[in-house]
């Protein structure tokens, strides 16, 4: 199987259904183009260690898609440490209603993000080479969602994301197995005292039976507390 093949696109569409995320033929085709370009660039510069077609479909594209139901319509979304564009760029392809900002401290990764934005003729998305501490000063307190995938621990992520959130915004950290996330939350509370409440949403990636967790902090979490 190759990225972009009919079988690969079938995995994307059926995997989306397994996650309750509809992925139509046009989106699957765009994911295919994205995946093909990712592998082509990856031969010259290191963008990802995941190059197996099935793993790329599941761990990059379907994992990004799994976040979609938890993001409100027309949200302004910031992806910190966006890397090769997951999840922010993939979410923009899946959800054209989103306004997306990508930021990464590695210039070659941002160059790839910008290449994909041009290649897929995407609007309402921008990519910037910067440290998170320096980004979008004029947009402080303006993002409805700040997201990261396997970037850092929860306290550090909240420290970075908090100043960039709109008043009712949310932080979403894409993490590994639920028991690992629970342990991380307990450790952060034990070390730092009172901490933001993180709501855990476990899910399983299809085909690979990989257990994942979304850790979400929002104003509504605090109200339930």
N, C-alpha and C. Protein backbone atom coordinates (compact mmCIF):
# COMPACT_ATOMS: atom_id res chain seq x y z
N UNK A 1 0.84 -1.20 0.00
CA UNK A 1 0.00 0.00 0.00
C UNK A 1 0.88 1.25 0.00
N UNK A 2 0.46 2.25 -0.74
CA UNK A 2 1.15 3.53 -0.79
C UNK A 2 0.21 4.65 -0.36
N UNK A 3 0.80 5.69 0.21
CA UNK A 3 0.02 6.89 0.51
C UNK A 3 -0.58 7.42 -0.79
N UNK A 4 -1.86 7.69 -0.76
CA UNK A 4 -2.56 8.20 -1.93
C UNK A 4 -3.26 7.14 -2.73
N UNK A 5 -2.98 5.86 -2.44
CA UNK A 5 -3.65 4.79 -3.17
C UNK A 5 -5.12 4.70 -2.77
N UNK A 6 -5.89 3.97 -3.56
CA UNK A 6 -7.31 3.79 -3.23
C UNK A 6 -7.47 3.13 -1.87
N UNK A 7 -6.61 2.17 -1.56
CA UNK A 7 -6.69 1.50 -0.26
C UNK A 7 -6.38 2.48 0.87
N UNK A 8 -5.39 3.34 0.67
CA UNK A 8 -5.03 4.32 1.69
C UNK A 8 -6.19 5.29 1.94
N UNK A 9 -6.81 5.76 0.87
CA UNK A 9 -7.95 6.66 1.04
C UNK A 9 -9.13 5.96 1.71
N UNK A 10 -9.30 4.67 1.41
CA UNK A 10 -10.36 3.91 2.09
C UNK A 10 -10.10 3.85 3.59
N UNK A 11 -8.86 3.63 3.98
CA UNK A 11 -8.51 3.60 5.41
C UNK A 11 -8.82 4.94 6.06
N UNK A 12 -8.51 6.02 5.38
CA UNK A 12 -8.81 7.34 5.93
C UNK A 12 -10.31 7.51 6.14
N UNK A 13 -11.12 7.15 5.16
CA UNK A 13 -12.56 7.36 5.25
C UNK A 13 -13.19 6.42 6.28
N UNK A 14 -12.82 5.14 6.25
CA UNK A 14 -13.39 4.20 7.22
C UNK A 14 -12.89 4.50 8.63
N UNK A 15 -11.64 4.91 8.76
CA UNK A 15 -11.13 5.30 10.07
C UNK A 15 -11.85 6.50 10.63
N UNK A 16 -12.18 7.45 9.76
CA UNK A 16 -12.97 8.59 10.21
C UNK A 16 -14.32 8.17 10.75
N UNK A 17 -14.97 7.23 10.06
CA UNK A 17 -16.26 6.74 10.55
C UNK A 17 -16.11 6.09 11.91
N UNK A 18 -15.03 5.35 12.11
CA UNK A 18 -14.80 4.69 13.41
C UNK A 18 -14.64 5.71 14.53
N UNK A 19 -14.16 6.91 14.18
CA UNK A 19 -13.98 7.98 15.16
C UNK A 19 -15.16 8.94 15.20
N UNK A 20 -16.22 8.61 14.44
CA UNK A 20 -17.40 9.48 14.33
C UNK A 20 -17.04 10.84 13.74
N UNK A 21 -16.11 10.83 12.80
CA UNK A 21 -15.70 12.03 12.10
C UNK A 21 -15.87 11.77 10.60
N UNK A 22 -16.91 12.31 9.97
CA UNK A 22 -17.10 12.07 8.53
C UNK A 22 -15.94 12.66 7.71
N UNK A 23 -15.38 11.84 6.84
CA UNK A 23 -14.32 12.29 5.94
C UNK A 23 -14.74 11.91 4.53
N UNK A 24 -15.07 12.90 3.74
CA UNK A 24 -15.53 12.65 2.38
C UNK A 24 -14.38 12.40 1.42
N UNK A 25 -14.74 12.10 0.17
CA UNK A 25 -13.74 11.76 -0.84
C UNK A 25 -12.79 12.93 -1.11
N UNK A 26 -13.32 14.16 -1.14
CA UNK A 26 -12.47 15.32 -1.42
C UNK A 26 -11.43 15.52 -0.32
N UNK A 27 -11.86 15.38 0.94
CA UNK A 27 -10.93 15.53 2.05
C UNK A 27 -9.89 14.42 2.02
N UNK A 28 -10.33 13.19 1.74
CA UNK A 28 -9.38 12.07 1.65
C UNK A 28 -8.35 12.33 0.55
N UNK A 29 -8.78 12.91 -0.56
CA UNK A 29 -7.86 13.24 -1.65
C UNK A 29 -6.85 14.29 -1.20
N UNK A 30 -7.31 15.28 -0.45
CA UNK A 30 -6.39 16.33 0.04
C UNK A 30 -5.41 15.75 1.06
N UNK A 31 -5.90 14.88 1.92
CA UNK A 31 -4.99 14.21 2.85
C UNK A 31 -3.95 13.40 2.07
N UNK A 32 -4.37 12.77 0.99
CA UNK A 32 -3.44 11.99 0.17
C UNK A 32 -2.33 12.88 -0.39
N UNK A 33 -2.71 14.03 -0.93
CA UNK A 33 -1.71 14.96 -1.49
C UNK A 33 -0.77 15.43 -0.37
N UNK A 34 -1.33 15.72 0.76
CA UNK A 34 -0.55 16.14 1.93
C UNK A 34 0.47 15.04 2.30
N UNK A 35 -0.01 13.81 2.42
CA UNK A 35 0.87 12.71 2.79
C UNK A 35 1.97 12.47 1.76
N UNK A 36 1.63 12.58 0.48
CA UNK A 36 2.64 12.40 -0.57
C UNK A 36 3.72 13.48 -0.49
N UNK A 37 3.31 14.71 -0.27
CA UNK A 37 4.28 15.80 -0.15
C UNK A 37 5.12 15.65 1.11
N UNK A 38 4.51 15.19 2.20
CA UNK A 38 5.25 14.97 3.44
C UNK A 38 6.39 13.97 3.22
N UNK A 39 6.10 12.86 2.56
CA UNK A 39 7.14 11.87 2.30
C UNK A 39 8.20 12.41 1.34
N UNK A 40 7.77 13.17 0.34
CA UNK A 40 8.73 13.73 -0.61
C UNK A 40 9.70 14.68 0.08
N UNK A 41 9.18 15.57 0.91
CA UNK A 41 10.04 16.49 1.66
C UNK A 41 10.89 15.75 2.67
N UNK A 42 10.32 14.70 3.25
CA UNK A 42 11.02 13.99 4.31
C UNK A 42 12.29 13.29 3.81
N UNK A 43 12.38 13.06 2.51
CA UNK A 43 13.60 12.47 1.96
C UNK A 43 14.77 13.45 2.03
N UNK A 44 14.48 14.74 2.08
CA UNK A 44 15.52 15.76 2.12
C UNK A 44 15.72 16.36 3.49
N UNK A 45 14.63 16.55 4.22
CA UNK A 45 14.73 17.14 5.56
C UNK A 45 13.87 16.32 6.52
N UNK A 46 14.31 16.22 7.74
CA UNK A 46 13.63 15.37 8.72
C UNK A 46 12.38 16.07 9.26
N UNK A 47 11.23 15.63 8.79
CA UNK A 47 9.96 16.19 9.27
C UNK A 47 9.22 15.23 10.19
N UNK A 48 9.35 13.92 9.93
CA UNK A 48 8.62 12.93 10.71
C UNK A 48 9.36 11.61 10.67
N UNK A 49 9.24 10.86 11.78
CA UNK A 49 9.78 9.49 11.83
C UNK A 49 8.74 8.49 11.35
N UNK A 50 7.51 8.94 11.14
CA UNK A 50 6.42 8.05 10.74
C UNK A 50 6.30 8.10 9.22
N UNK A 51 6.75 7.06 8.54
CA UNK A 51 6.72 7.02 7.08
C UNK A 51 5.95 5.82 6.54
N UNK A 52 5.66 4.83 7.38
CA UNK A 52 4.84 3.71 6.94
C UNK A 52 3.45 4.22 6.56
N UNK A 53 2.91 3.84 5.40
CA UNK A 53 1.63 4.41 4.96
C UNK A 53 0.48 4.22 5.95
N UNK A 54 0.35 3.03 6.54
CA UNK A 54 -0.73 2.81 7.49
C UNK A 54 -0.53 3.67 8.73
N UNK A 55 0.69 3.69 9.27
CA UNK A 55 0.94 4.49 10.46
C UNK A 55 0.74 5.98 10.18
N UNK A 56 1.15 6.43 9.00
CA UNK A 56 0.94 7.84 8.66
C UNK A 56 -0.55 8.16 8.60
N UNK A 57 -1.34 7.28 7.99
CA UNK A 57 -2.78 7.50 7.92
C UNK A 57 -3.40 7.62 9.30
N UNK A 58 -2.98 6.72 10.19
CA UNK A 58 -3.62 6.64 11.51
C UNK A 58 -3.03 7.65 12.49
N UNK A 59 -1.71 7.66 12.61
CA UNK A 59 -1.07 8.46 13.66
C UNK A 59 -0.99 9.94 13.32
N UNK A 60 -1.01 10.27 12.03
CA UNK A 60 -1.01 11.67 11.65
C UNK A 60 -2.42 12.17 11.34
N UNK A 61 -3.06 11.58 10.34
CA UNK A 61 -4.31 12.15 9.83
C UNK A 61 -5.52 11.79 10.68
N UNK A 62 -5.69 10.53 11.03
CA UNK A 62 -6.85 10.16 11.85
C UNK A 62 -6.72 10.68 13.27
N UNK A 63 -5.52 10.69 13.81
CA UNK A 63 -5.33 11.24 15.15
C UNK A 63 -5.69 12.73 15.17
N UNK A 64 -5.30 13.46 14.14
CA UNK A 64 -5.69 14.87 14.05
C UNK A 64 -7.20 15.02 13.93
N UNK A 65 -7.81 14.16 13.10
CA UNK A 65 -9.25 14.24 12.90
C UNK A 65 -10.03 13.97 14.18
N UNK A 66 -9.47 13.15 15.06
CA UNK A 66 -10.18 12.78 16.29
C UNK A 66 -10.48 13.99 17.17
N UNK A 67 -9.74 15.07 17.00
CA UNK A 67 -9.95 16.27 17.82
C UNK A 67 -11.15 17.08 17.33
N UNK A 68 -11.51 16.92 16.08
CA UNK A 68 -12.49 17.80 15.45
C UNK A 68 -13.80 17.96 16.21
N UNK A 69 -14.41 16.88 16.73
CA UNK A 69 -15.70 17.05 17.41
C UNK A 69 -15.64 17.93 18.66
N UNK A 70 -14.46 18.17 19.17
CA UNK A 70 -14.31 18.93 20.41
C UNK A 70 -13.95 20.40 20.17
N UNK A 71 -13.92 20.79 18.91
CA UNK A 71 -13.59 22.16 18.55
C UNK A 71 -14.85 22.86 18.04
N UNK A 72 -15.23 23.99 18.64
CA UNK A 72 -16.48 24.65 18.23
C UNK A 72 -16.40 25.21 16.82
N UNK A 73 -17.56 25.42 16.20
CA UNK A 73 -17.59 25.97 14.84
C UNK A 73 -16.92 27.34 14.77
N UNK A 74 -16.24 27.59 13.67
CA UNK A 74 -15.64 28.89 13.35
C UNK A 74 -14.64 29.36 14.41
N UNK A 75 -14.02 28.42 15.09
CA UNK A 75 -13.07 28.77 16.13
C UNK A 75 -11.77 29.31 15.54
N UNK A 76 -11.14 30.20 16.30
CA UNK A 76 -9.76 30.63 15.99
C UNK A 76 -8.83 29.69 16.75
N UNK A 77 -8.03 28.94 16.02
CA UNK A 77 -7.22 27.87 16.61
C UNK A 77 -5.74 28.15 16.40
N UNK A 78 -4.97 27.98 17.46
CA UNK A 78 -3.52 28.08 17.40
C UNK A 78 -2.90 26.73 17.73
N UNK A 79 -2.05 26.24 16.83
CA UNK A 79 -1.33 24.98 17.04
C UNK A 79 0.11 25.33 17.40
N UNK A 80 0.49 25.04 18.66
CA UNK A 80 1.84 25.34 19.15
C UNK A 80 2.75 24.14 18.88
N UNK A 81 3.89 24.40 18.27
CA UNK A 81 4.79 23.30 17.92
C UNK A 81 4.18 22.42 16.85
N UNK A 82 3.71 23.05 15.78
CA UNK A 82 2.89 22.35 14.78
C UNK A 82 3.67 21.32 13.97
N UNK A 83 5.00 21.39 13.97
CA UNK A 83 5.79 20.37 13.28
C UNK A 83 5.48 20.30 11.80
N UNK A 84 5.11 19.11 11.35
CA UNK A 84 4.75 18.91 9.94
C UNK A 84 3.30 19.29 9.66
N UNK A 85 2.64 19.94 10.63
CA UNK A 85 1.28 20.44 10.41
C UNK A 85 0.20 19.66 11.12
N UNK A 86 0.59 18.78 12.03
CA UNK A 86 -0.40 17.99 12.76
C UNK A 86 -0.47 18.47 14.21
N UNK A 87 -1.67 18.79 14.69
CA UNK A 87 -2.96 18.57 14.02
C UNK A 87 -3.50 19.77 13.24
N UNK A 88 -2.90 20.96 13.39
CA UNK A 88 -3.55 22.18 12.93
C UNK A 88 -3.84 22.24 11.45
N UNK A 89 -2.86 21.89 10.61
CA UNK A 89 -3.06 21.94 9.16
C UNK A 89 -4.06 20.88 8.71
N UNK A 90 -3.96 19.68 9.28
CA UNK A 90 -4.93 18.62 8.94
C UNK A 90 -6.34 19.02 9.35
N UNK A 91 -6.47 19.68 10.49
CA UNK A 91 -7.79 20.13 10.94
C UNK A 91 -8.35 21.20 10.00
N UNK A 92 -7.50 22.07 9.49
CA UNK A 92 -7.97 23.10 8.55
C UNK A 92 -8.51 22.47 7.28
N UNK A 93 -7.85 21.41 6.80
CA UNK A 93 -8.34 20.70 5.62
C UNK A 93 -9.70 20.07 5.91
N UNK A 94 -9.82 19.47 7.08
CA UNK A 94 -11.07 18.81 7.47
C UNK A 94 -12.17 19.81 7.81
N UNK A 95 -11.77 20.93 8.42
CA UNK A 95 -12.73 21.93 8.90
C UNK A 95 -12.41 23.30 8.30
N UNK A 96 -12.86 23.58 7.08
CA UNK A 96 -12.56 24.88 6.47
C UNK A 96 -13.10 26.07 7.26
N UNK A 97 -14.07 25.83 8.16
CA UNK A 97 -14.63 26.92 8.94
C UNK A 97 -13.65 27.48 9.97
N UNK A 98 -12.61 26.73 10.30
CA UNK A 98 -11.66 27.17 11.32
C UNK A 98 -10.70 28.22 10.76
N UNK A 99 -10.32 29.15 11.62
CA UNK A 99 -9.23 30.08 11.32
C UNK A 99 -8.01 29.58 12.10
N UNK A 100 -6.97 29.20 11.40
CA UNK A 100 -5.87 28.45 12.01
C UNK A 100 -4.56 29.22 11.93
N UNK A 101 -3.83 29.20 13.04
CA UNK A 101 -2.46 29.72 13.08
C UNK A 101 -1.54 28.59 13.52
N UNK A 102 -0.46 28.40 12.78
CA UNK A 102 0.54 27.39 13.09
C UNK A 102 1.82 28.09 13.51
N UNK A 103 2.48 27.59 14.55
CA UNK A 103 3.76 28.17 14.96
C UNK A 103 4.72 27.05 15.31
N UNK A 104 5.97 27.23 14.89
CA UNK A 104 7.01 26.26 15.23
C UNK A 104 8.34 26.98 15.25
N UNK A 105 9.23 26.52 16.12
CA UNK A 105 10.55 27.15 16.25
C UNK A 105 11.55 26.63 15.24
N UNK A 106 11.18 25.60 14.45
CA UNK A 106 12.09 25.02 13.46
C UNK A 106 11.69 25.53 12.07
N UNK A 107 12.58 26.27 11.45
CA UNK A 107 12.25 26.96 10.19
C UNK A 107 11.86 25.98 9.09
N UNK A 108 12.56 24.86 8.96
CA UNK A 108 12.26 23.93 7.86
C UNK A 108 10.86 23.35 7.99
N UNK A 109 10.37 23.18 9.21
CA UNK A 109 9.02 22.67 9.39
C UNK A 109 7.99 23.73 8.99
N UNK A 110 8.27 24.97 9.32
CA UNK A 110 7.36 26.05 8.91
C UNK A 110 7.38 26.20 7.39
N UNK A 111 8.54 26.01 6.76
CA UNK A 111 8.61 26.07 5.30
C UNK A 111 7.72 25.01 4.67
N UNK A 112 7.71 23.82 5.27
CA UNK A 112 6.83 22.77 4.75
C UNK A 112 5.37 23.14 4.96
N UNK A 113 5.03 23.67 6.12
CA UNK A 113 3.64 24.09 6.37
C UNK A 113 3.21 25.11 5.32
N UNK A 114 4.06 26.09 5.06
CA UNK A 114 3.72 27.13 4.08
C UNK A 114 3.58 26.53 2.68
N UNK A 115 4.44 25.56 2.36
CA UNK A 115 4.34 24.87 1.08
C UNK A 115 2.99 24.18 0.94
N UNK A 116 2.54 23.50 1.99
CA UNK A 116 1.26 22.79 1.92
C UNK A 116 0.09 23.76 1.84
N UNK A 117 0.18 24.89 2.52
CA UNK A 117 -0.88 25.89 2.44
C UNK A 117 -1.02 26.38 1.00
N UNK A 118 0.12 26.62 0.34
CA UNK A 118 0.08 27.05 -1.07
C UNK A 118 -0.39 25.91 -1.97
N UNK A 119 0.14 24.72 -1.75
CA UNK A 119 -0.16 23.58 -2.62
C UNK A 119 -1.65 23.26 -2.63
N UNK A 120 -2.27 23.34 -1.44
CA UNK A 120 -3.68 23.01 -1.31
C UNK A 120 -4.59 24.23 -1.42
N UNK A 121 -3.99 25.39 -1.72
CA UNK A 121 -4.77 26.64 -1.91
C UNK A 121 -5.68 26.92 -0.71
N UNK A 122 -5.11 26.81 0.48
CA UNK A 122 -5.89 27.03 1.70
C UNK A 122 -5.90 28.51 2.06
N UNK A 123 -7.04 28.97 2.53
CA UNK A 123 -7.16 30.33 3.04
C UNK A 123 -7.60 30.26 4.50
N UNK A 124 -7.39 31.35 5.23
CA UNK A 124 -7.75 31.35 6.64
C UNK A 124 -6.79 30.53 7.48
N UNK A 125 -5.54 30.43 7.05
CA UNK A 125 -4.50 29.72 7.80
C UNK A 125 -3.17 30.40 7.54
N UNK A 126 -2.34 30.48 8.58
CA UNK A 126 -1.01 31.07 8.44
C UNK A 126 -0.02 30.26 9.25
N UNK A 127 1.23 30.30 8.84
CA UNK A 127 2.29 29.58 9.53
C UNK A 127 3.42 30.55 9.80
N UNK A 128 3.96 30.50 11.02
CA UNK A 128 5.01 31.45 11.40
C UNK A 128 6.15 30.73 12.10
N UNK A 129 7.35 31.12 11.74
CA UNK A 129 8.55 30.62 12.41
C UNK A 129 8.83 31.52 13.60
N UNK A 130 8.62 31.00 14.82
CA UNK A 130 8.81 31.81 16.03
C UNK A 130 8.77 30.91 17.25
N UNK A 131 9.26 31.44 18.34
CA UNK A 131 9.03 30.81 19.64
C UNK A 131 7.64 31.21 20.11
N UNK A 132 7.02 30.32 20.88
CA UNK A 132 5.66 30.62 21.31
C UNK A 132 5.61 31.88 22.16
N UNK A 133 6.69 32.16 22.90
CA UNK A 133 6.71 33.35 23.75
C UNK A 133 6.65 34.64 22.94
N UNK A 134 6.99 34.56 21.68
CA UNK A 134 7.08 35.77 20.85
C UNK A 134 5.95 35.92 19.85
N UNK A 135 5.03 34.95 19.81
CA UNK A 135 4.10 34.92 18.68
C UNK A 135 2.93 35.87 18.85
N UNK A 136 2.49 36.39 17.72
CA UNK A 136 1.21 37.06 17.57
C UNK A 136 0.84 37.95 18.75
N UNK A 137 1.73 38.88 19.09
CA UNK A 137 1.48 39.73 20.25
C UNK A 137 0.15 40.45 20.14
N UNK A 138 -0.22 40.83 18.95
CA UNK A 138 -1.49 41.55 18.77
C UNK A 138 -2.69 40.64 18.96
N UNK A 139 -2.47 39.30 18.97
CA UNK A 139 -3.57 38.35 19.11
C UNK A 139 -3.70 37.81 20.52
N UNK A 140 -2.98 38.39 21.47
CA UNK A 140 -3.07 37.89 22.84
C UNK A 140 -4.52 37.88 23.30
N UNK A 141 -4.91 36.81 23.99
CA UNK A 141 -6.27 36.61 24.50
C UNK A 141 -7.27 36.42 23.36
N UNK A 142 -6.80 36.08 22.16
CA UNK A 142 -7.71 36.02 21.05
C UNK A 142 -8.07 34.66 20.51
N UNK A 143 -7.41 33.59 20.95
CA UNK A 143 -7.66 32.28 20.36
C UNK A 143 -8.73 31.51 21.14
N UNK A 144 -9.67 30.93 20.40
CA UNK A 144 -10.69 30.10 21.03
C UNK A 144 -10.14 28.76 21.47
N UNK A 145 -9.17 28.25 20.72
CA UNK A 145 -8.54 26.96 21.02
C UNK A 145 -7.04 27.09 20.83
N UNK A 146 -6.28 26.65 21.82
CA UNK A 146 -4.83 26.48 21.67
C UNK A 146 -4.55 25.00 21.87
N UNK A 147 -3.88 24.39 20.89
CA UNK A 147 -3.70 22.95 20.88
C UNK A 147 -2.23 22.60 20.71
N UNK A 148 -1.83 21.45 21.24
CA UNK A 148 -0.50 20.93 20.98
C UNK A 148 -0.58 19.41 20.97
N UNK A 149 0.39 18.78 20.30
CA UNK A 149 0.46 17.32 20.26
C UNK A 149 1.84 16.89 20.72
N UNK A 150 1.88 16.19 21.85
CA UNK A 150 3.12 15.61 22.38
C UNK A 150 4.24 16.66 22.45
N UNK A 151 3.90 17.85 22.92
CA UNK A 151 4.87 18.95 22.94
C UNK A 151 5.58 19.07 24.27
N UNK A 152 4.82 19.09 25.37
CA UNK A 152 5.40 19.33 26.67
C UNK A 152 4.43 18.84 27.73
N UNK A 153 4.78 19.02 29.02
CA UNK A 153 3.86 18.59 30.07
C UNK A 153 2.72 19.59 30.21
N UNK A 154 1.67 19.18 30.91
CA UNK A 154 0.47 20.00 31.00
C UNK A 154 0.70 21.35 31.68
N UNK A 155 1.43 21.42 32.81
CA UNK A 155 1.64 22.74 33.42
C UNK A 155 2.36 23.71 32.48
N UNK A 156 3.39 23.22 31.79
CA UNK A 156 4.13 24.08 30.87
C UNK A 156 3.25 24.50 29.70
N UNK A 157 2.44 23.59 29.18
CA UNK A 157 1.54 23.92 28.08
C UNK A 157 0.55 25.00 28.50
N UNK A 158 -0.03 24.85 29.68
CA UNK A 158 -0.99 25.85 30.15
C UNK A 158 -0.31 27.21 30.35
N UNK A 159 0.92 27.18 30.82
CA UNK A 159 1.67 28.42 31.00
C UNK A 159 1.87 29.13 29.66
N UNK A 160 2.14 28.36 28.60
CA UNK A 160 2.32 28.95 27.28
C UNK A 160 1.00 29.39 26.68
N UNK A 161 -0.03 28.55 26.82
CA UNK A 161 -1.29 28.77 26.11
C UNK A 161 -2.18 29.81 26.79
N UNK A 162 -2.17 29.84 28.11
CA UNK A 162 -3.10 30.69 28.84
C UNK A 162 -3.15 32.13 28.38
N UNK A 163 -2.00 32.81 28.22
CA UNK A 163 -2.04 34.23 27.81
C UNK A 163 -2.58 34.45 26.40
N UNK A 164 -2.67 33.40 25.60
CA UNK A 164 -3.10 33.54 24.21
C UNK A 164 -4.58 33.21 24.01
N UNK A 165 -5.25 32.80 25.07
CA UNK A 165 -6.64 32.36 24.96
C UNK A 165 -7.62 33.52 25.03
N UNK A 166 -8.72 33.39 24.30
CA UNK A 166 -9.87 34.26 24.49
C UNK A 166 -10.47 33.96 25.87
N UNK A 167 -11.30 34.85 26.41
CA UNK A 167 -11.84 34.65 27.77
C UNK A 167 -12.51 33.29 27.97
N UNK A 168 -13.20 32.78 26.98
CA UNK A 168 -13.86 31.48 27.11
C UNK A 168 -13.17 30.40 26.28
N UNK A 169 -11.87 30.60 26.03
CA UNK A 169 -11.14 29.65 25.20
C UNK A 169 -10.78 28.38 25.94
N UNK A 170 -10.23 27.43 25.18
CA UNK A 170 -9.84 26.14 25.76
C UNK A 170 -8.46 25.72 25.27
N UNK A 171 -7.77 25.00 26.15
CA UNK A 171 -6.51 24.35 25.80
C UNK A 171 -6.79 22.87 25.54
N UNK A 172 -6.20 22.32 24.49
CA UNK A 172 -6.32 20.90 24.20
C UNK A 172 -4.91 20.33 24.01
N UNK A 173 -4.55 19.38 24.87
CA UNK A 173 -3.28 18.68 24.74
C UNK A 173 -3.56 17.26 24.26
N UNK A 174 -2.94 16.89 23.15
CA UNK A 174 -3.08 15.54 22.61
C UNK A 174 -2.00 14.67 23.25
N UNK A 175 -2.45 13.67 23.98
CA UNK A 175 -1.54 12.89 24.81
C UNK A 175 -1.67 11.40 24.51
N UNK A 176 -0.91 10.60 25.28
CA UNK A 176 -0.89 9.16 25.10
C UNK A 176 -1.95 8.44 25.90
N UNK A 177 -1.58 7.34 26.50
CA UNK A 177 -2.54 6.48 27.19
C UNK A 177 -3.14 7.18 28.41
N UNK A 178 -4.42 6.93 28.71
CA UNK A 178 -5.09 7.64 29.81
C UNK A 178 -4.38 7.51 31.15
N UNK A 179 -3.86 6.33 31.47
CA UNK A 179 -3.21 6.15 32.77
C UNK A 179 -1.95 7.02 32.88
N UNK A 180 -1.27 7.24 31.76
CA UNK A 180 -0.10 8.11 31.78
C UNK A 180 -0.49 9.55 32.01
N UNK A 181 -1.60 9.96 31.40
CA UNK A 181 -2.07 11.33 31.58
C UNK A 181 -2.55 11.54 33.01
N UNK A 182 -3.26 10.57 33.57
CA UNK A 182 -3.69 10.66 34.96
C UNK A 182 -2.49 10.83 35.89
N UNK A 183 -1.44 10.06 35.65
CA UNK A 183 -0.25 10.16 36.48
C UNK A 183 0.40 11.53 36.34
N UNK A 184 0.42 12.07 35.12
CA UNK A 184 0.99 13.40 34.90
C UNK A 184 0.20 14.47 35.64
N UNK A 185 -1.13 14.36 35.61
CA UNK A 185 -1.97 15.33 36.31
C UNK A 185 -1.75 15.25 37.81
N UNK A 186 -1.69 14.04 38.35
CA UNK A 186 -1.45 13.88 39.79
C UNK A 186 -0.10 14.46 40.18
N UNK A 187 0.92 14.21 39.38
CA UNK A 187 2.25 14.70 39.70
C UNK A 187 2.30 16.22 39.67
N UNK A 188 1.62 16.83 38.70
CA UNK A 188 1.64 18.28 38.60
C UNK A 188 0.94 18.92 39.77
N UNK A 189 -0.13 18.31 40.24
CA UNK A 189 -0.85 18.84 41.41
C UNK A 189 0.01 18.69 42.65
N UNK A 190 0.67 17.54 42.79
CA UNK A 190 1.49 17.30 43.97
C UNK A 190 2.67 18.26 44.04
N UNK A 191 3.23 18.60 42.88
CA UNK A 191 4.40 19.47 42.86
C UNK A 191 4.04 20.94 43.00
N UNK A 192 2.95 21.34 42.37
CA UNK A 192 2.67 22.77 42.24
C UNK A 192 1.45 23.24 43.03
N UNK A 193 0.80 22.35 43.74
CA UNK A 193 -0.40 22.74 44.46
C UNK A 193 -1.58 22.84 43.52
N UNK A 194 -2.57 23.70 43.81
CA UNK A 194 -3.75 23.82 42.96
C UNK A 194 -3.36 24.09 41.50
N UNK A 195 -4.01 23.41 40.59
CA UNK A 195 -3.68 23.51 39.17
C UNK A 195 -4.96 23.54 38.35
N UNK A 196 -4.89 23.96 37.10
CA UNK A 196 -6.08 23.94 36.25
C UNK A 196 -6.67 22.53 36.16
N UNK A 197 -7.99 22.49 36.11
CA UNK A 197 -8.65 21.19 35.97
C UNK A 197 -8.60 20.74 34.52
N UNK A 198 -8.10 19.53 34.29
CA UNK A 198 -8.04 18.95 32.95
C UNK A 198 -9.08 17.86 32.82
N UNK A 199 -9.94 18.01 31.83
CA UNK A 199 -10.93 16.97 31.54
C UNK A 199 -10.31 15.99 30.55
N UNK A 200 -10.36 14.73 30.87
CA UNK A 200 -9.74 13.71 30.04
C UNK A 200 -10.77 13.05 29.13
N UNK A 201 -10.45 12.94 27.85
CA UNK A 201 -11.30 12.24 26.88
C UNK A 201 -10.46 11.16 26.21
N UNK A 202 -10.60 9.91 26.63
CA UNK A 202 -9.84 8.83 26.00
C UNK A 202 -10.47 8.39 24.68
N UNK A 203 -9.65 7.94 23.77
CA UNK A 203 -10.13 7.37 22.51
C UNK A 203 -9.10 6.37 22.00
N UNK A 204 -9.52 5.55 21.05
CA UNK A 204 -8.64 4.53 20.49
C UNK A 204 -8.53 4.74 18.99
N UNK A 205 -7.32 4.81 18.50
CA UNK A 205 -7.12 4.96 17.06
C UNK A 205 -7.39 3.63 16.36
N UNK A 206 -8.18 3.66 15.30
CA UNK A 206 -8.51 2.42 14.60
C UNK A 206 -7.29 1.82 13.91
N UNK A 207 -7.41 0.55 13.57
CA UNK A 207 -6.40 -0.22 12.84
C UNK A 207 -5.18 -0.58 13.71
N UNK A 208 -4.66 0.38 14.47
CA UNK A 208 -3.48 0.13 15.29
C UNK A 208 -3.83 -0.12 16.75
N UNK A 209 -5.11 0.06 17.11
CA UNK A 209 -5.57 -0.14 18.48
C UNK A 209 -4.72 0.66 19.48
N UNK A 210 -4.37 1.88 19.08
CA UNK A 210 -3.52 2.74 19.91
C UNK A 210 -4.40 3.62 20.79
N UNK A 211 -4.14 3.60 22.09
CA UNK A 211 -4.93 4.38 23.05
C UNK A 211 -4.35 5.77 23.18
N UNK A 212 -5.23 6.76 23.09
CA UNK A 212 -4.84 8.15 23.16
C UNK A 212 -5.78 8.90 24.11
N UNK A 213 -5.38 10.12 24.47
CA UNK A 213 -6.17 10.94 25.39
C UNK A 213 -6.10 12.39 24.97
N UNK A 214 -7.24 13.05 25.00
CA UNK A 214 -7.27 14.51 24.92
C UNK A 214 -7.41 15.04 26.35
N UNK A 215 -6.50 15.93 26.73
CA UNK A 215 -6.61 16.63 28.00
C UNK A 215 -7.08 18.05 27.69
N UNK A 216 -8.26 18.41 28.18
CA UNK A 216 -8.88 19.68 27.81
C UNK A 216 -9.10 20.53 29.05
N UNK A 217 -8.66 21.75 28.99
CA UNK A 217 -8.96 22.73 30.03
C UNK A 217 -9.75 23.87 29.40
N UNK A 218 -10.88 24.20 30.01
CA UNK A 218 -11.68 25.33 29.52
C UNK A 218 -12.40 25.97 30.68
N UNK A 219 -13.00 27.14 30.41
CA UNK A 219 -13.76 27.83 31.44
C UNK A 219 -14.89 26.96 31.96
N UNK A 220 -15.51 26.17 31.07
CA UNK A 220 -16.61 25.31 31.50
C UNK A 220 -16.13 24.22 32.44
N UNK A 221 -14.88 23.76 32.28
CA UNK A 221 -14.31 22.81 33.24
C UNK A 221 -14.30 23.42 34.63
N UNK A 222 -13.84 24.68 34.69
CA UNK A 222 -13.72 25.33 35.98
C UNK A 222 -15.07 25.50 36.66
N UNK A 223 -16.11 25.76 35.85
CA UNK A 223 -17.45 25.91 36.42
C UNK A 223 -17.90 24.60 37.06
N UNK A 224 -17.63 23.47 36.37
CA UNK A 224 -18.02 22.17 36.93
C UNK A 224 -17.26 21.86 38.19
N UNK A 225 -16.05 22.42 38.34
CA UNK A 225 -15.28 22.19 39.54
C UNK A 225 -15.97 22.80 40.74
